[in-house]
N, C-alpha and C. Protein backbone atom coordinates (compact mmCIF):
# COMPACT_ATOMS: atom_id res chain seq x y z
N MET A 1 104.52 91.70 94.11
CA MET A 1 102.89 91.70 93.58
C MET A 1 102.74 93.58 93.66
N LEU A 2 101.44 93.61 92.73
CA LEU A 2 101.55 94.65 92.00
C LEU A 2 99.94 95.20 92.22
N TYR A 3 99.78 96.37 92.57
CA TYR A 3 98.89 96.80 93.37
C TYR A 3 98.39 97.46 91.99
N THR A 4 96.69 97.88 91.69
CA THR A 4 96.39 98.93 90.59
C THR A 4 96.77 100.59 91.20
N GLU A 5 96.25 101.13 90.32
CA GLU A 5 96.28 102.84 90.54
C GLU A 5 94.84 102.96 91.29
N LYS A 6 94.02 102.42 91.34
CA LYS A 6 92.88 102.47 92.29
C LYS A 6 92.83 101.85 93.91
N VAL A 7 93.38 100.78 94.09
CA VAL A 7 94.09 100.53 95.71
C VAL A 7 95.23 101.23 95.69
N MET A 8 95.89 101.70 95.21
CA MET A 8 96.86 102.32 95.79
C MET A 8 96.10 103.87 96.34
N ASP A 9 95.67 104.49 95.41
CA ASP A 9 94.58 105.63 95.40
C ASP A 9 93.88 105.56 97.02
N HIS A 10 92.97 104.25 97.20
CA HIS A 10 92.04 104.26 98.63
C HIS A 10 92.90 103.72 99.52
N PHE A 11 94.50 103.22 99.29
CA PHE A 11 94.89 102.87 100.23
C PHE A 11 95.72 104.26 101.01
N SER A 12 96.19 105.12 99.89
CA SER A 12 96.64 106.55 100.53
C SER A 12 95.92 107.25 100.63
N ASN A 13 94.73 107.57 100.35
CA ASN A 13 93.66 108.33 100.57
C ASN A 13 92.20 107.60 101.01
N PRO A 14 92.45 106.83 102.06
CA PRO A 14 91.33 106.07 102.28
C PRO A 14 89.77 106.79 102.37
N ARG A 15 88.78 106.60 102.09
CA ARG A 15 87.33 107.91 102.14
C ARG A 15 86.93 107.02 103.45
N ASN A 16 85.91 108.11 103.58
CA ASN A 16 84.95 107.53 105.23
C ASN A 16 85.93 106.87 106.71
N VAL A 17 86.91 106.99 106.75
CA VAL A 17 88.00 106.33 107.44
C VAL A 17 87.15 107.34 108.75
N GLY A 18 87.29 106.18 109.93
CA GLY A 18 87.23 107.29 111.58
C GLY A 18 86.13 106.34 111.93
N GLU A 19 85.98 106.42 113.52
CA GLU A 19 84.52 106.32 114.56
C GLU A 19 83.39 106.70 114.01
N MET A 20 82.49 106.47 114.54
CA MET A 20 81.21 106.82 114.89
C MET A 20 80.33 106.96 116.04
N GLU A 21 80.26 107.55 116.56
CA GLU A 21 80.20 107.63 117.59
C GLU A 21 78.17 107.51 117.80
N ASP A 22 77.66 107.54 117.33
CA ASP A 22 76.38 107.20 117.43
C ASP A 22 76.14 106.63 115.58
N ALA A 23 76.50 105.52 115.83
CA ALA A 23 75.89 104.57 114.69
C ALA A 23 74.88 103.88 115.19
N ASP A 24 74.04 103.28 114.25
CA ASP A 24 72.54 102.69 114.31
C ASP A 24 73.04 101.21 114.05
N GLY A 25 74.65 100.87 113.12
CA GLY A 25 74.77 99.45 113.36
C GLY A 25 76.62 99.15 113.04
N VAL A 26 76.91 98.44 113.87
CA VAL A 26 78.37 98.56 113.85
C VAL A 26 78.83 96.89 113.86
N GLY A 27 79.72 96.39 112.71
CA GLY A 27 80.17 95.37 112.92
C GLY A 27 81.65 95.58 112.66
N GLU A 28 82.31 94.38 113.05
CA GLU A 28 84.08 93.99 113.74
C GLU A 28 84.05 92.51 113.18
N VAL A 29 85.01 92.42 111.78
CA VAL A 29 85.29 90.95 111.58
C VAL A 29 87.23 90.89 111.66
N GLY A 30 87.28 89.89 111.22
CA GLY A 30 88.55 89.35 111.08
C GLY A 30 89.47 89.32 112.72
N ASN A 31 90.34 88.77 112.62
CA ASN A 31 91.57 88.35 113.93
C ASN A 31 92.60 89.15 113.55
N ALA A 32 93.30 88.84 114.94
CA ALA A 32 94.69 89.28 115.26
C ALA A 32 95.96 88.06 114.48
N ARG A 33 95.40 86.83 114.28
CA ARG A 33 96.23 86.10 113.72
C ARG A 33 96.35 86.03 112.38
N CYS A 34 94.79 86.86 111.61
CA CYS A 34 95.63 86.87 110.15
C CYS A 34 95.97 87.80 110.05
N GLY A 35 95.79 89.31 111.15
CA GLY A 35 96.58 90.50 110.85
C GLY A 35 95.42 91.32 110.31
N ASP A 36 94.21 90.94 109.78
CA ASP A 36 93.48 91.75 108.96
C ASP A 36 92.23 92.11 110.10
N ILE A 37 92.28 93.34 110.72
CA ILE A 37 90.37 93.45 111.38
C ILE A 37 90.04 95.02 111.15
N MET A 38 88.67 94.28 110.95
CA MET A 38 87.76 95.26 110.41
C MET A 38 86.83 96.09 110.68
N LYS A 39 86.47 97.05 111.06
CA LYS A 39 85.30 97.91 111.80
C LYS A 39 84.07 98.81 111.09
N MET A 40 82.98 98.12 110.88
CA MET A 40 82.56 99.01 110.18
C MET A 40 81.27 99.96 110.81
N TYR A 41 80.97 101.11 110.38
CA TYR A 41 80.13 102.18 111.21
C TYR A 41 78.88 102.33 110.12
N LEU A 42 77.59 102.35 110.36
CA LEU A 42 76.82 102.96 109.39
C LEU A 42 75.94 103.55 110.16
N LYS A 43 75.28 104.58 109.62
CA LYS A 43 73.83 105.54 109.63
C LYS A 43 73.03 105.43 109.08
N ILE A 44 72.12 104.80 109.67
CA ILE A 44 71.09 104.29 108.85
C ILE A 44 69.48 105.18 108.71
N LYS A 45 68.75 105.73 107.73
CA LYS A 45 67.38 106.31 107.80
C LYS A 45 66.58 106.20 107.31
N ASP A 46 65.82 105.57 107.16
CA ASP A 46 64.84 104.77 106.24
C ASP A 46 64.62 103.83 105.35
N GLY A 47 65.61 103.17 106.21
CA GLY A 47 66.43 101.75 105.09
C GLY A 47 67.74 102.51 104.43
N VAL A 48 67.94 103.29 104.52
CA VAL A 48 68.89 103.81 103.61
C VAL A 48 70.05 104.24 104.18
N ILE A 49 71.51 103.56 103.64
CA ILE A 49 72.93 104.39 104.54
C ILE A 49 73.41 105.49 104.34
N THR A 50 72.74 106.37 104.90
CA THR A 50 73.14 108.12 104.86
C THR A 50 74.74 107.62 105.25
N ASP A 51 75.53 107.22 105.85
CA ASP A 51 77.02 107.73 106.18
C ASP A 51 77.32 106.32 106.92
N VAL A 52 78.79 106.06 106.23
CA VAL A 52 79.35 105.22 106.75
C VAL A 52 81.00 105.47 107.09
N ARG A 53 81.59 104.63 107.80
CA ARG A 53 83.02 105.00 108.34
C ARG A 53 83.53 103.61 108.71
N PHE A 54 84.74 103.57 108.52
CA PHE A 54 85.55 101.94 108.91
C PHE A 54 86.89 102.66 109.59
N LYS A 55 87.39 101.49 110.22
CA LYS A 55 88.56 101.38 110.84
C LYS A 55 89.26 100.37 111.15
N THR A 56 90.08 100.17 109.96
CA THR A 56 90.84 98.80 109.75
C THR A 56 92.30 98.80 110.21
N PHE A 57 92.45 97.95 110.98
CA PHE A 57 93.74 97.43 111.18
C PHE A 57 94.52 96.08 110.36
N GLY A 58 95.08 96.37 109.22
CA GLY A 58 95.77 95.70 108.64
C GLY A 58 96.73 96.11 107.15
N CYS A 59 97.31 95.56 106.15
CA CYS A 59 97.54 95.75 105.38
C CYS A 59 96.88 96.76 103.91
N GLY A 60 98.14 97.04 103.01
CA GLY A 60 97.54 98.36 102.45
C GLY A 60 95.97 97.97 101.58
N ALA A 61 95.78 96.38 100.82
CA ALA A 61 94.89 96.06 100.64
C ALA A 61 93.49 95.74 101.05
N ALA A 62 93.54 96.09 102.94
CA ALA A 62 92.80 95.79 103.85
C ALA A 62 91.95 97.09 103.91
N ILE A 63 92.82 98.32 103.99
CA ILE A 63 92.49 99.83 103.87
C ILE A 63 91.74 99.99 102.78
N ALA A 64 92.40 99.53 101.61
CA ALA A 64 92.13 99.65 99.99
C ALA A 64 90.54 99.17 99.88
N THR A 65 90.35 97.88 99.97
CA THR A 65 89.15 97.24 100.37
C THR A 65 88.02 97.81 100.92
N SER A 66 88.62 98.05 102.37
CA SER A 66 87.72 98.92 103.31
C SER A 66 86.60 100.11 102.82
N SER A 67 87.69 101.08 102.23
CA SER A 67 87.85 102.10 101.94
C SER A 67 86.75 102.48 100.54
N MET A 68 86.69 101.43 99.28
CA MET A 68 86.29 100.92 98.33
C MET A 68 84.60 100.40 98.88
N ALA A 69 84.40 99.37 99.51
CA ALA A 69 83.52 98.97 100.10
C ALA A 69 82.48 100.06 101.04
N THR A 70 82.85 101.06 101.33
CA THR A 70 82.28 102.29 102.18
C THR A 70 81.44 103.02 100.88
N GLU A 71 82.30 102.96 99.56
CA GLU A 71 82.06 104.15 98.63
C GLU A 71 80.48 103.72 98.07
N LEU A 72 81.15 101.84 98.08
CA LEU A 72 80.07 101.41 97.21
C LEU A 72 78.51 101.30 97.76
N ILE A 73 78.48 101.29 99.39
CA ILE A 73 77.17 101.46 99.78
C ILE A 73 76.46 102.55 100.49
N LYS A 74 77.50 103.35 100.24
CA LYS A 74 77.03 104.73 100.84
C LYS A 74 75.89 105.51 99.81
N GLY A 75 74.48 106.01 100.95
CA GLY A 75 73.68 106.39 100.04
C GLY A 75 72.60 105.17 99.19
N LYS A 76 73.06 103.97 99.87
CA LYS A 76 72.08 102.65 99.29
C LYS A 76 71.02 102.12 100.03
N SER A 77 70.02 101.52 99.61
CA SER A 77 69.44 101.20 100.52
C SER A 77 69.93 99.68 101.33
N LEU A 78 69.35 99.31 102.28
CA LEU A 78 70.23 98.22 103.56
C LEU A 78 70.28 96.62 102.59
N GLU A 79 69.14 96.71 101.75
CA GLU A 79 68.99 95.57 100.81
C GLU A 79 70.21 95.40 99.64
N ASP A 80 70.19 96.59 99.02
CA ASP A 80 71.08 96.89 97.97
C ASP A 80 73.04 96.23 98.56
N ALA A 81 72.87 97.31 100.01
CA ALA A 81 73.79 97.04 100.55
C ALA A 81 74.34 95.52 100.69
N LEU A 82 73.38 95.02 101.32
CA LEU A 82 73.40 93.39 101.32
C LEU A 82 73.87 92.69 100.16
N LYS A 83 73.54 93.15 99.04
CA LYS A 83 73.55 92.57 97.77
C LYS A 83 75.38 92.26 97.46
N LEU A 84 76.39 93.20 98.04
CA LEU A 84 77.46 94.24 97.50
C LEU A 84 78.38 92.43 98.06
N THR A 85 79.11 91.87 96.85
CA THR A 85 80.31 91.56 96.91
C THR A 85 81.02 91.35 96.94
N ASN A 86 82.09 90.36 97.44
CA ASN A 86 83.90 90.65 97.62
C ASN A 86 83.92 91.18 96.10
N LYS A 87 83.66 90.40 95.00
CA LYS A 87 84.28 90.22 93.74
C LYS A 87 83.35 91.41 93.44
N ALA A 88 82.74 92.28 93.47
CA ALA A 88 82.11 94.13 93.12
C ALA A 88 82.90 94.53 93.87
N VAL A 89 83.66 94.37 95.18
CA VAL A 89 84.61 95.58 95.56
C VAL A 89 86.19 95.14 94.68
N VAL A 90 86.51 93.60 94.90
CA VAL A 90 87.86 93.53 93.95
C VAL A 90 87.66 94.39 92.30
N GLU A 91 86.24 94.22 91.99
CA GLU A 91 86.12 94.84 90.10
C GLU A 91 86.57 95.84 90.41
N ALA A 92 85.74 96.96 91.62
CA ALA A 92 85.63 98.35 91.77
C ALA A 92 87.47 98.54 91.90
N LEU A 93 87.95 98.23 92.08
CA LEU A 93 89.58 98.57 92.93
C LEU A 93 89.79 98.15 91.26
N GLU A 94 89.92 97.58 90.30
CA GLU A 94 90.60 96.81 89.39
C GLU A 94 90.98 95.48 89.52
N GLY A 95 91.17 94.78 90.34
CA GLY A 95 91.90 94.09 90.63
C GLY A 95 92.38 94.12 92.06
N LEU A 96 93.09 93.05 92.69
CA LEU A 96 93.84 92.61 93.43
C LEU A 96 94.65 91.43 93.21
N PRO A 97 95.46 91.27 93.89
CA PRO A 97 96.60 89.86 93.91
C PRO A 97 96.12 88.84 94.62
N PRO A 98 95.77 87.98 94.43
CA PRO A 98 95.13 86.60 94.41
C PRO A 98 95.51 86.60 96.01
N ALA A 99 96.67 86.86 96.61
CA ALA A 99 96.82 86.74 97.77
C ALA A 99 96.34 87.81 98.98
N LYS A 100 95.38 88.63 98.23
CA LYS A 100 94.69 89.83 98.72
C LYS A 100 93.50 89.79 98.83
N ILE A 101 92.76 88.82 98.33
CA ILE A 101 91.59 88.66 97.67
C ILE A 101 90.62 88.49 99.06
N HIS A 102 91.03 87.66 99.77
CA HIS A 102 90.66 87.68 101.65
C HIS A 102 90.74 88.87 102.14
N CYS A 103 91.19 89.74 101.90
CA CYS A 103 90.88 91.35 102.04
C CYS A 103 89.14 91.58 101.75
N SER A 104 89.07 91.36 100.42
CA SER A 104 87.70 91.80 99.86
C SER A 104 86.48 90.97 100.58
N VAL A 105 86.80 89.60 100.65
CA VAL A 105 85.97 88.66 101.79
C VAL A 105 85.85 89.88 102.57
N LEU A 106 86.70 89.79 103.92
CA LEU A 106 86.75 90.60 104.91
C LEU A 106 85.32 92.01 104.85
N ALA A 107 85.75 92.68 103.63
CA ALA A 107 84.80 94.55 103.93
C ALA A 107 83.76 93.50 103.78
N GLU A 108 83.49 92.64 102.92
CA GLU A 108 81.98 92.34 102.74
C GLU A 108 81.13 92.02 103.84
N GLN A 109 82.09 91.05 104.43
CA GLN A 109 81.89 90.70 105.91
C GLN A 109 81.33 91.47 106.74
N ALA A 110 82.32 93.10 106.56
CA ALA A 110 82.16 94.24 107.87
C ALA A 110 81.00 94.35 107.51
N ILE A 111 80.22 94.32 106.44
CA ILE A 111 79.18 95.36 106.46
C ILE A 111 78.63 94.09 106.79
N LYS A 112 78.13 93.15 106.23
CA LYS A 112 76.88 92.81 106.83
C LYS A 112 77.24 92.26 108.31
N ALA A 113 78.15 92.25 108.70
CA ALA A 113 78.15 92.39 110.48
C ALA A 113 77.43 93.31 110.99
N ALA A 114 77.95 94.47 110.00
CA ALA A 114 76.86 96.22 110.61
C ALA A 114 75.83 96.04 110.48
N ILE A 115 75.52 95.96 109.33
CA ILE A 115 73.75 95.27 109.27
C ILE A 115 72.95 94.47 109.55
N ALA A 116 74.00 93.69 110.33
CA ALA A 116 73.31 92.42 111.44
C ALA A 116 72.99 93.42 112.71
N ASP A 117 74.01 94.10 113.08
CA ASP A 117 74.02 94.76 114.38
C ASP A 117 72.93 95.47 114.19
N TYR A 118 72.24 96.24 113.18
CA TYR A 118 71.31 97.31 112.87
C TYR A 118 70.30 96.44 113.12
N TYR A 119 69.99 95.41 112.50
CA TYR A 119 68.86 94.67 112.77
C TYR A 119 68.52 94.24 114.17
N ARG A 120 69.64 93.75 114.42
CA ARG A 120 69.35 92.98 115.75
C ARG A 120 68.92 94.17 117.06
N ARG A 121 69.24 95.23 117.19
CA ARG A 121 69.12 96.61 117.70
C ARG A 121 67.44 96.85 117.74
N LYS A 122 67.53 96.37 116.25
CA LYS A 122 65.76 96.58 116.03
C LYS A 122 65.12 95.64 116.30
N GLY A 123 65.32 94.00 116.73
CA GLY A 123 64.71 93.34 117.26
C GLY A 123 64.46 92.46 116.29
N ILE A 124 64.68 92.27 114.90
CA ILE A 124 64.38 91.94 113.83
C ILE A 124 65.67 90.56 113.71
N ASP A 125 64.85 89.23 113.16
CA ASP A 125 65.44 88.36 113.21
C ASP A 125 66.28 88.28 111.40
N LEU A 126 67.77 87.87 111.95
CA LEU A 126 68.96 88.82 111.40
C LEU A 126 69.13 87.85 109.94
N GLU A 127 68.81 86.14 110.13
CA GLU A 127 69.23 85.24 109.20
C GLU A 127 68.67 85.32 107.57
N PRO A 128 67.08 85.79 107.77
CA PRO A 128 66.75 86.29 106.40
C PRO A 128 67.20 87.15 105.57
N TYR A 129 67.85 88.51 106.40
CA TYR A 129 68.51 89.39 105.58
C TYR A 129 69.92 89.30 105.78
N VAL A 130 70.81 88.75 106.52
CA VAL A 130 72.16 88.71 106.40
C VAL A 130 72.81 87.61 105.82
N GLY A 131 72.13 86.26 106.35
CA GLY A 131 73.04 85.08 106.17
C GLY A 131 73.77 84.80 107.22
N LYS A 132 74.73 84.04 107.18
CA LYS A 132 75.48 83.63 108.36
C LYS A 132 76.67 84.18 108.19
N ILE A 133 77.20 85.39 109.11
CA ILE A 133 78.83 85.52 108.86
C ILE A 133 79.69 84.90 109.73
N GLN A 134 80.83 84.80 108.27
CA GLN A 134 81.68 83.81 108.40
C GLN A 134 82.61 84.41 109.57
N ASP A 135 83.38 83.51 109.63
CA ASP A 135 84.50 84.14 110.73
C ASP A 135 86.16 84.09 109.66
N CYS A 136 87.51 84.87 110.29
CA CYS A 136 88.37 84.95 109.35
C CYS A 136 88.67 83.46 108.42
N GLU A 137 89.20 82.28 109.51
CA GLU A 137 88.92 81.15 109.15
C GLU A 137 88.65 80.92 107.59
N ALA A 138 87.31 81.07 107.70
CA ALA A 138 86.24 80.71 106.78
C ALA A 138 87.34 81.38 105.27
N CYS A 139 86.71 82.44 105.58
CA CYS A 139 87.49 83.51 104.45
C CYS A 139 88.71 83.11 104.07
N HIS A 140 89.75 82.90 104.65
CA HIS A 140 91.00 81.98 104.36
C HIS A 140 90.93 80.71 103.75
N ASP A 141 90.06 79.64 104.14
CA ASP A 141 89.87 78.39 103.73
C ASP A 141 89.29 79.27 102.09
N SER A 142 88.53 79.83 101.96
CA SER A 142 87.55 80.09 100.59
C SER A 142 88.88 80.63 99.58
N CYS A 143 90.08 81.09 99.86
CA CYS A 143 91.24 81.57 98.99
C CYS A 143 92.20 81.26 99.30
N GLY A 144 92.49 79.83 100.30
CA GLY A 144 93.63 79.54 99.93
C GLY A 144 94.84 79.92 100.88
N ILE A 145 94.48 81.21 101.68
CA ILE A 145 95.16 81.51 102.93
C ILE A 145 95.58 80.86 104.12
N GLU A 146 96.92 80.05 103.88
CA GLU A 146 97.11 79.15 105.36
C GLU A 146 97.46 80.17 107.07
């Protein structure tokens, strides 16, 4: 299984790692069965993500996709962050092996879960903004992982 230089860089030197005590939104996705768990922390001011951190338990691809996803949404509006797709994460990393595509799906879902948490804390109906957050089983079904 070959990884791109960008994947290796984000795995070896992940950006925005760590917890955030005063996060405005926190999202966690994945499960122990698949081995990848991602937790995203967002700091939001005036509808813009001013800071983002992550903690990921998983393989190198899971760490790299978490790192890249945080880079792609930092400084963006919530609306723009919600538009981030797993395909955009894969493209930014210049590719992932097919068996690791589910890691990019988890990164997308972790961001959506953190934004959903932010809206929930504000008492705002989540469905129009975030849609349904898939569980890990669904991401494996979509990419063929057993």
